Structure formats: C-alpha cells, structure tokens
C-alpha cells in the first residue's frame, strides 16, 4: 500500500505542476500532507516535516548566501568579461547561443556545485535570450542536462556516494566511465546544436552590431539603462531587409531584463576586479577541497564581498534587497521540498518503493544487473534523492548482481547514468535556482527537459556498455 501511495503522491505532484493547477511550493507542501493523512500517519506530519527541514536547512542556507554572493559578483562586473566573450562568439545567432549555453554550463560545472553553475550560466545568457526572444526553456533544459552529465565528477556527489555505499575507490568508478561520460557530453552539445538550429529557423539568422559597448554615432544602447537610444537587431544573410526587432531604450520590459549587462551601472567596481576574482577562485577552491562546509564558505564569502565592495550600509542593504526575490523564491522552494522529502522518507514510502522496484526485477536479469541498474537509475534518481538511491537502492542491486557474478564496480558505474535526468528532479534544490533566475515555470521546464535528459542518460548508459565499463 505504501508503495502505491508513494508513486501516486509523486504522480499527483508532477501532474499538478505540469498542468499548472498548483504552484510548485503549494504542491510540495499540500500534496505530501494529504498523503501523510491518507496513510494514517497524520499525527506524525509535524515530526516528518521538522526532520525534512533539518536535513535540507544547510542546503537552504548555502543557496541563500550563494545567491547573495554571486548576485554581488554580477553587480560589480566580475562576469562581464565572460558575457562579452560569449557574446563575441555567439553574436546574435540563436544556434551559437544555445551551444554557448551548453559549453558554459559544462565548464562552470567543474566546481561540482549545480547552484553555482546555474547562477553563472543564467546570469551570462539570460539577457541575450530575452533580448532575442529566444525560448528560455531551451536555456534551462540545456544547462540542466549539461550539468547533470558533469555532476558525475568525483567531487560532484553521486560518484562519492556510490563509492561510499559500496566501499569502493571513487577513482576506480569514475576514470573508466570518462569515455562514456564524454560521449554523453557530446550528446548534450549535439542536442544544443539541434535546438539552436530550431531557434534559428524560428527567429531567423540575426547579427548583433556591437555587444555591451555604446555607439554614440548610432545612438545604440544595448543595456537599456541610458534612455533615448535604440538597439538594432538586423536580419543577416538568412533574412531580407531591415530589422524587425527594434526596442526604444526608455526602460521597457526587455531593457530592464537586459540591465544586468549595462556597462555603466553604478554598482560596477572595476578597481576591485582582481580582488573579486581572487575571492571567487579562493571560495571555489576551498569548496572543492572541502576545507569548510559549503554553507559556511558562502556565508563568509557573501559577508566579505558585501563589506569590501559596498562599505556603506545603505549600499549593502540595497544589494541585499535587489536579490531578495531570488533568495526568498529559492529558499522557500527548498523548505517546501523538505515537506515532500520528509513525508516520503518518514512514512516509509521511499523504502517500500525501492524494495518493490528491486523485487520486480526477474531472476533471469541477474547476469545483466548492471544494465538493470543503469535503467533504474533514470526513474529512481528522478523520484528520489541521491542519498536515498545510492545508500538505499544501489547496495541491494549490487548484492543481487554479486549473486550472478556482476562486479560492484559495474553496478556503481551504471548507477551514474541517470544523473542527466536527476538534475531536473523536483527534489533537487539547484533546479529551483535555475528556473527561478530564468523566470521559467517549473512545469514548463519539466515538460521540455525530461525527454532530452532521458535520451542523454540512455546515451551515457549505451556508451558505457559499448566501451565495456558497464
């Protein structure tokens, strides 16, 4: 019964948010509360929620201060050179922009933290997508899938969990999987190329005269902060005639959205550029080396960044207020997700769901348990946390595989296949940073991304089998 109710709860949640009948926060809170009562454990709801909040509180704190930190870094211009470089490569070609999104997300994912990746990627690319009227779900889908493949890095989490759960060396799991993961990343780049071509076909081939630089003789204001000028986007060789996208620079919605790229914004701190760059590199290095808990690192980093860049209290309050929306949305979503995970775990639904899935595997599939693990990693890491999957399910699958001569290393490697899909799971806090900053409905992101993420995960699994590592 708990198994059926568990799957029913997840299905109800997904249907309601994808059809936009409920907001994600409301669904994350109310649906599990109702199902908790339905299984006869309503009296324990408070305990389950408190346990869930306790488990996710460090994540919420990390996201809150990470948003403030990277928000300040964006304000002071740390990422402007990155944006300029991407714009020079992408120009205003939708295909190049989508490919650039995938490449940027993959590169930034090297720090092992999804939230950081999404904040930097969206900050750099969102204004361009907005100005060119490109689909924002293409941006979130490509970024999430690229980050999912890169999330398998030993310091990213899943590989370390698999190694811990099966008492293996993380390098023995990861290194042989590099060719398969590289194929998966190439699949993401190919996907971004195809999606980019679709966007180019929809919008036309565009060229951008100049990015981030005022052209007084043309009275061009790209950032929309100066009033009066206009930004001209011309159809290039693929079009015919003059621009059909002309924006007056008097503060309309698009110009406001492009504000983050304003080269004349008052928050820029060019004299402190190398301090901010050094602070960010030191912060990411400390995070990778695990010198301190990540929430503590971002708390200290945010406090130091605010103090040095904005020494006056009114300026500090203004910067915190400027990013309060993102902080509230993301942290609120994380605490709402704590209700969902708390009920799912506390009632025993997760355990029963995992047991039922494992027991449903026919004995004849025993010799192919690694492939079974790879296939199961797709739905299970989407509907469960990585902790639940790697510490609750993978050891059982490894035990079943061992009875048929399947190495635990093969099970561990196969278990990484579903990470491309996992990064769009409603149980992953970082995905709320992505959709929140991109101003995309979670349901829209889910509908668009899941099919491509599943395809990417299957490519990783297929490549692993082809290379003989699974």
Protein backbone atom coordinates (compact mmCIF):
# COMPACT_ATOMS: atom_id res chain seq x y z
CA UNK A 1 0.00 0.00 0.00
CA UNK A 2 2.80 2.42 0.89
CA UNK A 3 4.42 1.69 -2.46
CA UNK A 4 1.25 2.53 -4.39
CA UNK A 5 0.61 5.66 -2.34
CA UNK A 6 4.23 6.77 -2.79
CA UNK A 7 4.08 6.54 -6.57
CA UNK A 8 0.60 8.10 -6.53
CA UNK A 9 1.89 11.04 -4.48
CA UNK A 10 4.75 11.70 -6.88
CA UNK A 11 2.49 11.32 -9.93
CA UNK A 12 -0.10 13.69 -8.43
CA UNK A 13 2.57 16.27 -7.70
CA UNK A 14 4.02 16.10 -11.23
CA UNK A 15 0.63 16.26 -12.94
CA UNK A 16 -0.49 19.27 -10.89
CA UNK A 17 2.65 21.32 -11.51
CA UNK A 18 2.97 20.36 -15.17
CA UNK A 19 -0.66 21.31 -15.83
CA UNK A 20 -0.15 24.44 -13.71
CA UNK A 21 -3.06 23.62 -11.44
CA UNK A 22 -0.87 24.40 -8.42
CA UNK A 23 2.34 26.29 -7.82
CA UNK A 24 5.38 24.11 -7.00
CA UNK A 25 5.59 25.47 -3.44
CA UNK A 26 1.92 24.76 -2.72
CA UNK A 27 2.12 21.30 -4.32
CA UNK A 28 5.30 20.39 -2.43
CA UNK A 29 3.56 21.19 0.86
CA UNK A 30 -0.09 20.22 0.43
CA UNK A 31 0.19 17.00 -1.62
CA UNK A 32 2.50 15.17 0.84
CA UNK A 33 0.45 16.48 3.78
CA UNK A 34 -2.71 14.94 2.29
CA UNK A 35 -0.98 11.64 1.54
CA UNK A 36 0.52 11.55 5.02
CA UNK A 37 -3.02 11.71 6.41
CA UNK A 38 -4.15 9.12 3.85
CA UNK A 39 -1.62 6.55 5.12
CA UNK A 40 -2.84 7.10 8.67
CA UNK A 41 0.23 8.98 9.91
CA UNK A 42 -1.19 12.49 10.01
CA UNK A 43 -0.29 12.82 13.70
CA UNK A 44 3.38 12.44 12.80
CA UNK A 45 3.32 15.01 9.99
CA UNK A 46 4.99 17.66 12.16
CA UNK A 47 7.87 15.33 13.04
CA UNK A 48 8.39 14.36 9.41
CA UNK A 49 8.44 17.98 8.30
CA UNK A 50 10.88 19.03 11.02
CA UNK A 51 13.16 16.13 10.09
CA UNK A 52 12.97 17.13 6.43
CA UNK A 53 13.67 20.78 7.21
CA UNK A 54 16.59 19.79 9.41
CA UNK A 55 18.12 17.74 6.61
CA UNK A 56 17.70 20.47 3.99
CA UNK A 57 18.44 23.51 6.17
CA UNK A 58 22.18 23.53 5.31
CA UNK A 59 21.27 23.40 1.61
CA UNK A 60 18.82 26.28 2.00
CA UNK A 61 21.44 28.32 3.86
CA UNK A 62 24.02 27.58 1.18
CA UNK A 63 21.65 28.67 -1.59
CA UNK A 64 20.63 31.85 0.24
CA UNK A 65 24.18 33.10 0.73
CA UNK A 66 25.38 31.75 -2.64
CA UNK A 67 22.68 33.80 -4.38
CA UNK A 68 23.73 36.90 -2.45
CA UNK A 69 27.42 36.24 -3.17
CA UNK A 70 27.07 35.63 -6.90
CA UNK A 71 24.47 38.38 -7.15
CA UNK A 72 27.03 40.83 -5.76
CA UNK A 73 29.70 39.47 -8.11
CA UNK A 74 27.36 40.04 -11.05
CA UNK A 75 26.55 43.55 -9.79
CA UNK A 76 30.21 44.53 -9.51
CA UNK A 77 31.03 43.21 -13.00
CA UNK A 78 33.05 40.07 -12.28
CA UNK A 79 31.32 38.10 -15.02
CA UNK A 80 31.08 40.88 -17.61
CA UNK A 81 34.22 39.66 -19.47
CA UNK A 82 32.69 36.16 -19.65
CA UNK A 83 29.49 37.62 -21.05
CA UNK A 84 31.44 39.68 -23.58
CA UNK A 85 33.42 36.63 -24.67
CA UNK A 86 30.29 34.55 -25.10
CA UNK A 87 28.57 37.36 -26.99
CA UNK A 88 31.55 37.72 -29.32
CA UNK A 89 31.36 34.01 -30.09
CA UNK A 90 27.59 33.81 -30.24
CA UNK A 91 26.98 37.21 -31.83
CA UNK A 92 23.20 37.02 -32.15
CA UNK A 93 23.00 33.63 -33.83
CA UNK A 94 20.47 31.52 -31.85
CA UNK A 95 22.33 28.31 -32.71
CA UNK A 96 25.62 29.64 -31.33
CA UNK A 97 23.86 30.99 -28.25
CA UNK A 98 22.34 27.61 -27.35
CA UNK A 99 25.65 25.81 -27.95
CA UNK A 100 27.40 28.51 -25.90
CA UNK A 101 24.93 27.84 -23.07
CA UNK A 102 25.83 24.15 -23.04
CA UNK A 103 29.57 24.83 -23.16
CA UNK A 104 29.40 27.45 -20.41
CA UNK A 105 27.28 25.21 -18.15
CA UNK A 106 29.69 22.30 -18.67
CA UNK A 107 32.76 24.42 -17.89
CA UNK A 108 31.31 26.04 -14.78
CA UNK A 109 30.10 22.60 -13.61
CA UNK A 110 33.73 21.73 -12.91
CA UNK A 111 33.26 23.33 -9.48
CA UNK A 112 30.91 20.45 -8.60
CA UNK A 113 28.03 22.64 -7.43
CA UNK A 114 24.85 22.83 -9.51
CA UNK A 115 23.57 26.03 -7.91
CA UNK A 116 26.77 27.90 -8.75
CA UNK A 117 26.66 26.59 -12.31
CA UNK A 118 23.10 27.74 -12.86
CA UNK A 119 23.63 31.16 -11.31
CA UNK A 120 26.62 31.92 -13.52
CA UNK A 121 25.11 30.41 -16.68
CA UNK A 122 21.76 32.17 -16.35
CA UNK A 123 23.40 35.46 -15.39
CA UNK A 124 25.53 35.35 -18.54
CA UNK A 125 22.94 34.06 -21.01
CA UNK A 126 19.53 35.23 -19.81
CA UNK A 127 19.78 38.81 -21.13
CA UNK A 128 20.70 37.56 -24.60
CA UNK A 129 17.85 35.02 -24.71
CA UNK A 130 15.45 37.69 -23.52
CA UNK A 131 16.54 40.33 -26.00
CA UNK A 132 16.45 37.96 -28.98
CA UNK A 133 13.07 36.49 -27.92
CA UNK A 134 14.59 33.03 -27.64
CA UNK A 135 12.91 30.21 -25.70
CA UNK A 136 14.02 30.31 -22.07
CA UNK A 137 13.17 26.64 -21.52
CA UNK A 138 15.79 25.81 -24.14
CA UNK A 139 18.33 27.60 -21.93
CA UNK A 140 17.22 25.85 -18.72
CA UNK A 141 16.95 22.45 -20.41
CA UNK A 142 20.40 22.58 -21.99
CA UNK A 143 22.03 23.95 -18.81
CA UNK A 144 20.41 21.33 -16.56
CA UNK A 145 21.30 18.42 -18.85
CA UNK A 146 24.92 19.53 -19.30
CA UNK A 147 25.27 19.98 -15.55
CA UNK A 148 23.72 16.55 -14.96
CA UNK A 149 26.41 14.83 -17.01
CA UNK A 150 29.16 16.83 -15.30
CA UNK A 151 27.59 16.14 -11.89
CA UNK A 152 29.26 12.71 -12.03
CA UNK A 153 32.66 14.26 -11.22
CA UNK A 154 34.08 12.61 -8.07
CA UNK A 155 33.57 15.81 -6.08
CA UNK A 156 30.09 16.38 -7.52
CA UNK A 157 28.34 13.92 -5.20
CA UNK A 158 26.92 10.80 -6.93
CA UNK A 159 30.28 9.11 -7.55
CA UNK A 160 31.35 9.71 -3.95
CA UNK A 161 28.02 8.34 -2.70
CA UNK A 162 28.31 5.21 -4.86
CA UNK A 163 31.88 4.67 -3.66
CA UNK A 164 30.87 5.09 -0.02
CA UNK A 165 27.79 2.88 -0.28
CA UNK A 166 29.68 0.01 -1.94
CA UNK A 167 33.02 0.59 -0.17
CA UNK A 168 34.90 1.23 -3.41
CA UNK A 169 37.52 3.72 -4.60
CA UNK A 170 35.85 6.67 -6.34
CA UNK A 171 38.62 6.84 -8.96
CA UNK A 172 38.00 3.19 -9.92
CA UNK A 173 34.37 4.09 -10.57
CA UNK A 174 34.89 7.39 -12.35
CA UNK A 175 38.01 7.02 -14.51
CA UNK A 176 36.77 4.06 -16.60
CA UNK A 177 33.48 5.95 -17.10
CA UNK A 178 35.18 9.04 -18.59
CA UNK A 179 34.78 7.89 -22.25
CA UNK A 180 31.06 7.16 -21.73
CA UNK A 181 30.51 10.46 -19.94
CA UNK A 182 32.42 12.28 -22.69
CA UNK A 183 30.03 10.74 -25.22
CA UNK A 184 27.14 11.92 -23.05
CA UNK A 185 28.55 15.45 -23.01
CA UNK A 186 28.98 15.36 -26.79
CA UNK A 187 25.33 14.30 -27.00
CA UNK A 188 24.40 17.41 -24.99
CA UNK A 189 26.40 19.61 -27.37
CA UNK A 190 24.73 17.91 -30.35
CA UNK A 191 21.35 18.43 -28.71
CA UNK A 192 22.14 22.11 -28.14
CA UNK A 193 23.17 22.40 -31.80
CA UNK A 194 19.87 20.89 -32.97
CA UNK A 195 17.80 23.01 -30.59
CA UNK A 196 19.79 26.05 -31.68
CA UNK A 197 19.03 25.35 -35.32
CA UNK A 198 15.35 25.14 -34.42
CA UNK A 199 15.56 28.51 -32.68
CA UNK A 200 17.42 29.97 -35.66
CA UNK A 201 14.72 28.70 -38.00
CA UNK A 202 12.02 30.18 -35.79
CA UNK A 203 13.68 33.57 -35.30
CA UNK A 204 15.77 33.97 -38.42
CA UNK A 205 19.51 34.47 -38.72
CA UNK A 206 20.44 37.53 -36.69
CA UNK A 207 23.60 39.57 -36.29
CA UNK A 208 24.36 41.98 -33.49
CA UNK A 209 26.32 45.10 -34.46
CA UNK A 210 28.05 45.53 -31.12
CA UNK A 211 27.64 43.99 -27.66
CA UNK A 212 27.99 45.81 -24.36
CA UNK A 213 29.54 48.90 -25.97
CA UNK A 214 27.80 52.20 -26.57
CA UNK A 215 27.87 53.50 -30.12
CA UNK A 216 27.07 57.20 -29.82
CA UNK A 217 27.07 57.73 -33.57
CA UNK A 218 24.26 55.17 -33.87
CA UNK A 219 22.72 56.10 -30.51
CA UNK A 220 22.73 52.41 -29.65
CA UNK A 221 22.12 51.44 -26.08
CA UNK A 222 22.19 47.71 -25.62
CA UNK A 223 21.75 47.61 -21.90
CA UNK A 224 18.66 49.76 -21.71
CA UNK A 225 19.86 51.91 -18.85
CA UNK A 226 20.54 55.17 -20.59
CA UNK A 227 17.20 56.11 -22.18
CA UNK A 228 16.56 57.51 -25.60
CA UNK A 229 18.66 55.24 -27.83
CA UNK A 230 17.64 52.17 -29.72
CA UNK A 231 19.05 48.67 -30.13
CA UNK A 232 19.03 47.42 -33.68
CA UNK A 233 18.99 43.72 -34.46
CA UNK A 234 19.31 43.12 -38.15
CA UNK A 235 18.42 40.09 -40.14
CA UNK A 236 21.59 38.84 -41.77
CA UNK A 237 22.06 36.63 -44.78
CA UNK A 238 19.13 34.46 -43.76
CA UNK A 239 16.66 37.35 -43.76
CA UNK A 240 15.53 40.11 -46.02
CA UNK A 241 15.51 43.79 -45.32
CA UNK A 242 15.94 45.86 -42.18
CA UNK A 243 15.47 44.97 -38.57
CA UNK A 244 12.11 43.84 -37.31
CA UNK A 245 13.24 43.87 -33.68
CA UNK A 246 13.67 47.47 -32.58
CA UNK A 247 13.47 48.48 -28.94
CA UNK A 248 13.26 52.00 -27.65
CA UNK A 249 15.67 52.48 -24.78
CA UNK A 250 13.22 54.10 -22.41
CA UNK A 251 13.00 51.35 -19.81
CA UNK A 252 10.58 48.81 -21.32
CA UNK A 253 10.47 45.28 -20.00
CA UNK A 254 13.15 43.89 -22.30
CA UNK A 255 15.51 46.71 -21.50
CA UNK A 256 15.01 46.16 -17.81
CA UNK A 257 15.77 42.47 -18.27
CA UNK A 258 18.95 43.42 -20.13
CA UNK A 259 20.00 45.70 -17.30
CA UNK A 260 22.48 43.18 -15.92
CA UNK A 261 24.77 43.87 -18.88
CA UNK A 262 24.70 47.64 -18.53
CA UNK A 263 28.37 48.73 -18.85
CA UNK A 264 27.60 51.95 -16.98
CA UNK A 265 25.70 50.61 -13.97
CA UNK A 266 26.51 52.29 -10.69
CA UNK A 267 27.36 49.01 -8.92
CA UNK A 268 30.44 48.28 -11.05
CA UNK A 269 33.71 48.09 -9.11
CA UNK A 270 36.47 47.89 -11.78
CA UNK A 271 39.22 48.76 -9.27
CA UNK A 272 38.23 45.73 -7.19
CA UNK A 273 38.00 43.32 -10.13
CA UNK A 274 41.05 41.25 -9.23
CA UNK A 275 40.10 41.16 -5.57
CA UNK A 276 36.68 39.79 -6.50
CA UNK A 277 38.17 37.32 -8.96
CA UNK A 278 40.66 36.12 -6.35
CA UNK A 279 37.97 35.84 -3.71
CA UNK A 280 35.76 33.77 -6.04
CA UNK A 281 38.63 31.46 -7.04
CA UNK A 282 39.58 31.02 -3.39
CA UNK A 283 35.97 30.29 -2.48
CA UNK A 284 35.55 27.66 -5.21
CA UNK A 285 38.92 26.10 -4.37
CA UNK A 286 38.01 25.85 -0.70
CA UNK A 287 34.69 24.30 -1.70
CA UNK A 288 36.30 21.66 -3.92
CA UNK A 289 38.92 20.88 -1.27
CA UNK A 290 36.16 20.76 1.36
CA UNK A 291 38.11 22.98 3.74
CA UNK A 292 34.84 24.05 5.39
CA UNK A 293 31.14 23.24 4.95
CA UNK A 294 29.81 24.92 1.80
CA UNK A 295 27.13 26.97 3.64
CA UNK A 296 29.81 28.43 5.91
CA UNK A 297 32.05 29.27 2.95
CA UNK A 298 29.29 31.13 1.13
CA UNK A 299 28.19 32.89 4.32
CA UNK A 300 31.73 34.18 4.88
CA UNK A 301 32.16 34.97 1.18
CA UNK A 302 28.91 36.94 0.96
CA UNK A 303 29.75 38.95 4.08
CA UNK A 304 33.25 39.74 2.82
CA UNK A 305 32.07 40.62 -0.71
CA UNK A 306 29.42 42.99 0.60
CA UNK A 307 31.76 44.65 3.08
CA UNK A 308 34.61 45.27 0.64
CA UNK A 309 32.57 46.23 -2.43
CA UNK A 310 29.88 48.22 -0.63
CA UNK A 311 31.34 49.58 2.61
CA UNK A 312 28.37 51.88 3.25
CA UNK A 313 25.36 50.34 5.00
CA UNK A 314 22.69 51.82 2.64
CA UNK A 315 24.51 50.30 -0.34
CA UNK A 316 24.72 46.91 1.37
CA UNK A 317 21.00 46.98 2.17
CA UNK A 318 20.24 47.93 -1.44
CA UNK A 319 22.25 44.96 -2.79
CA UNK A 320 20.58 42.53 -0.38
CA UNK A 321 17.16 43.91 -1.30
CA UNK A 322 17.98 43.60 -5.01
CA UNK A 323 18.49 39.86 -4.63
CA UNK A 324 15.80 39.24 -2.00
CA UNK A 325 13.33 37.93 -4.59
CA UNK A 326 15.65 35.14 -5.71
CA UNK A 327 16.63 34.31 -2.14
CA UNK A 328 13.01 34.06 -1.00
CA UNK A 329 11.87 32.04 -4.01
CA UNK A 330 14.67 29.51 -3.85
CA UNK A 331 14.86 29.09 -0.07
CA UNK A 332 11.07 28.88 0.11
CA UNK A 333 11.09 26.15 -2.52
CA UNK A 334 13.78 24.21 -0.65
CA UNK A 335 11.87 24.30 2.63
CA UNK A 336 8.70 23.29 0.80
CA UNK A 337 10.62 20.38 -0.73
CA UNK A 338 11.59 19.43 2.83
CA UNK A 339 7.93 18.63 3.49
CA UNK A 340 7.83 16.38 0.42
CA UNK A 341 11.04 14.51 1.23
CA UNK A 342 10.24 14.36 4.95
CA UNK A 343 6.88 12.65 4.34
CA UNK A 344 8.27 10.40 1.60
CA UNK A 345 11.04 9.19 3.91
CA UNK A 346 9.29 9.30 7.29
CA UNK A 347 6.24 7.28 6.24
CA UNK A 348 8.45 4.59 4.73
CA UNK A 349 7.21 5.23 1.19
CA UNK A 350 10.71 5.57 -0.28
CA UNK A 351 11.90 2.32 1.27
CA UNK A 352 8.84 0.41 0.09
CA UNK A 353 9.06 1.92 -3.41
CA UNK A 354 12.72 0.91 -3.71
CA UNK A 355 12.07 -2.62 -2.43
CA UNK A 356 9.16 -3.13 -4.81
CA UNK A 357 11.18 -1.94 -7.81
CA UNK A 358 14.13 -4.19 -6.95
CA UNK A 359 11.92 -7.22 -6.26
CA UNK A 360 10.19 -6.71 -9.61
CA UNK A 361 13.45 -7.44 -11.44
CA UNK A 362 13.20 -11.02 -12.84
CA UNK A 363 15.85 -13.52 -11.77
CA UNK A 364 16.72 -14.03 -15.43
CA UNK A 365 18.02 -10.45 -15.48
CA UNK A 366 20.56 -11.23 -12.74
CA UNK A 367 23.57 -11.52 -15.08
CA UNK A 368 22.58 -8.17 -16.59
CA UNK A 369 22.11 -6.40 -13.27
CA UNK A 370 24.49 -3.59 -14.25
CA UNK A 371 22.28 -2.69 -17.22
CA UNK A 372 19.21 -3.00 -14.99
CA UNK A 373 20.84 -0.63 -12.51
CA UNK A 374 21.55 1.88 -15.26
CA UNK A 375 17.94 1.77 -16.47
CA UNK A 376 16.55 2.00 -12.94
CA UNK A 377 18.81 4.97 -12.18
CA UNK A 378 16.70 7.12 -14.53
CA UNK A 379 13.35 6.98 -12.73
CA UNK A 380 14.74 6.35 -9.24
CA UNK A 381 17.15 9.28 -9.16
CA UNK A 382 14.33 11.46 -10.52
CA UNK A 383 11.81 10.41 -7.90
CA UNK A 384 14.30 10.01 -5.04
CA UNK A 385 17.19 11.97 -3.62
CA UNK A 386 20.70 10.81 -4.49
CA UNK A 387 21.16 9.79 -0.85
CA UNK A 388 18.08 7.57 -0.96
CA UNK A 389 19.12 5.96 -4.23
CA UNK A 390 22.81 5.40 -3.56
CA UNK A 391 22.56 4.40 0.08
CA UNK A 392 19.18 2.62 -0.08
CA UNK A 393 18.84 1.03 -3.52
CA UNK A 394 22.31 0.61 -5.04
CA UNK A 395 23.62 -1.72 -2.27
CA UNK A 396 20.60 -4.02 -2.81
CA UNK A 397 21.19 -4.03 -6.57
CA UNK A 398 24.90 -4.72 -6.01
CA UNK A 399 24.07 -7.64 -3.74
CA UNK A 400 21.69 -9.07 -6.33
CA UNK A 401 24.32 -8.59 -9.03
CA UNK A 402 27.06 -10.23 -6.96
CA UNK A 403 24.97 -13.41 -6.76
CA UNK A 404 25.24 -13.60 -10.55
CA UNK A 405 28.90 -12.62 -10.82
CA UNK A 406 28.37 -8.93 -11.60
CA UNK A 407 31.10 -6.72 -10.14
CA UNK A 408 30.05 -3.97 -7.69
CA UNK A 409 32.19 -1.60 -9.80
CA UNK A 410 29.92 -2.20 -12.79
CA UNK A 411 26.86 -1.53 -10.62
CA UNK A 412 28.41 1.68 -9.31
CA UNK A 413 29.31 2.93 -12.79
CA UNK A 414 25.88 2.09 -14.18
CA UNK A 415 24.23 3.94 -11.31
CA UNK A 416 25.70 7.21 -12.65
CA UNK A 417 23.80 7.00 -15.93
CA UNK A 418 20.65 8.75 -14.67
CA UNK A 419 22.33 11.94 -13.46
CA UNK A 420 21.45 13.92 -16.60
CA UNK A 421 17.79 13.41 -15.67
CA UNK A 422 18.33 13.74 -11.93
CA UNK A 423 19.34 17.40 -12.20
CA UNK A 424 15.79 18.31 -13.30
CA UNK A 425 14.15 16.39 -10.44
CA UNK A 426 11.77 18.38 -8.23
CA UNK A 427 13.79 17.05 -5.28
CA UNK A 428 16.99 18.84 -6.41
CA UNK A 429 17.20 22.31 -4.82
CA UNK A 430 19.54 23.65 -7.52
CA UNK A 431 16.87 23.29 -10.21
CA UNK A 432 14.80 25.93 -8.42
CA UNK A 433 17.74 28.32 -8.69
CA UNK A 434 17.79 27.62 -12.43
CA UNK A 435 14.09 28.12 -13.14
CA UNK A 436 13.79 30.98 -10.64
CA UNK A 437 16.60 33.06 -12.12
CA UNK A 438 15.46 32.26 -15.67
CA UNK A 439 11.86 33.16 -14.79
CA UNK A 440 10.63 29.84 -16.19
CA UNK A 441 7.72 27.84 -14.76
CA UNK A 442 8.97 24.59 -13.25
CA UNK A 443 6.24 22.66 -15.10
CA UNK A 444 7.34 24.13 -18.44
CA UNK A 445 10.95 23.23 -17.71
CA UNK A 446 9.94 19.68 -16.79
CA UNK A 447 7.83 19.12 -19.89
CA UNK A 448 10.59 20.35 -22.16
CA UNK A 449 13.66 18.88 -20.47
CA UNK A 450 12.71 15.38 -19.31
CA UNK A 451 12.65 13.76 -22.76
CA UNK A 452 16.05 15.18 -23.72
CA UNK A 453 17.56 14.32 -20.33
CA UNK A 454 16.28 10.73 -20.61
CA UNK A 455 17.82 10.47 -24.08
CA UNK A 456 21.16 11.80 -22.79
CA UNK A 457 21.14 9.33 -19.87
CA UNK A 458 20.48 6.45 -22.26
CA UNK A 459 23.38 7.62 -24.45
CA UNK A 460 25.69 7.53 -21.40
CA UNK A 461 24.45 4.06 -20.48
CA UNK A 462 24.77 2.80 -24.06
CA UNK A 463 28.29 4.21 -24.37
CA UNK A 464 29.27 2.57 -21.08
CA UNK A 465 28.07 -0.80 -22.40
CA UNK A 466 29.82 -0.21 -25.74
CA UNK A 467 33.13 0.64 -24.06
CA UNK A 468 32.82 -2.36 -21.76
CA UNK A 469 32.81 -0.38 -18.50
CA UNK A 470 29.24 -1.46 -17.69
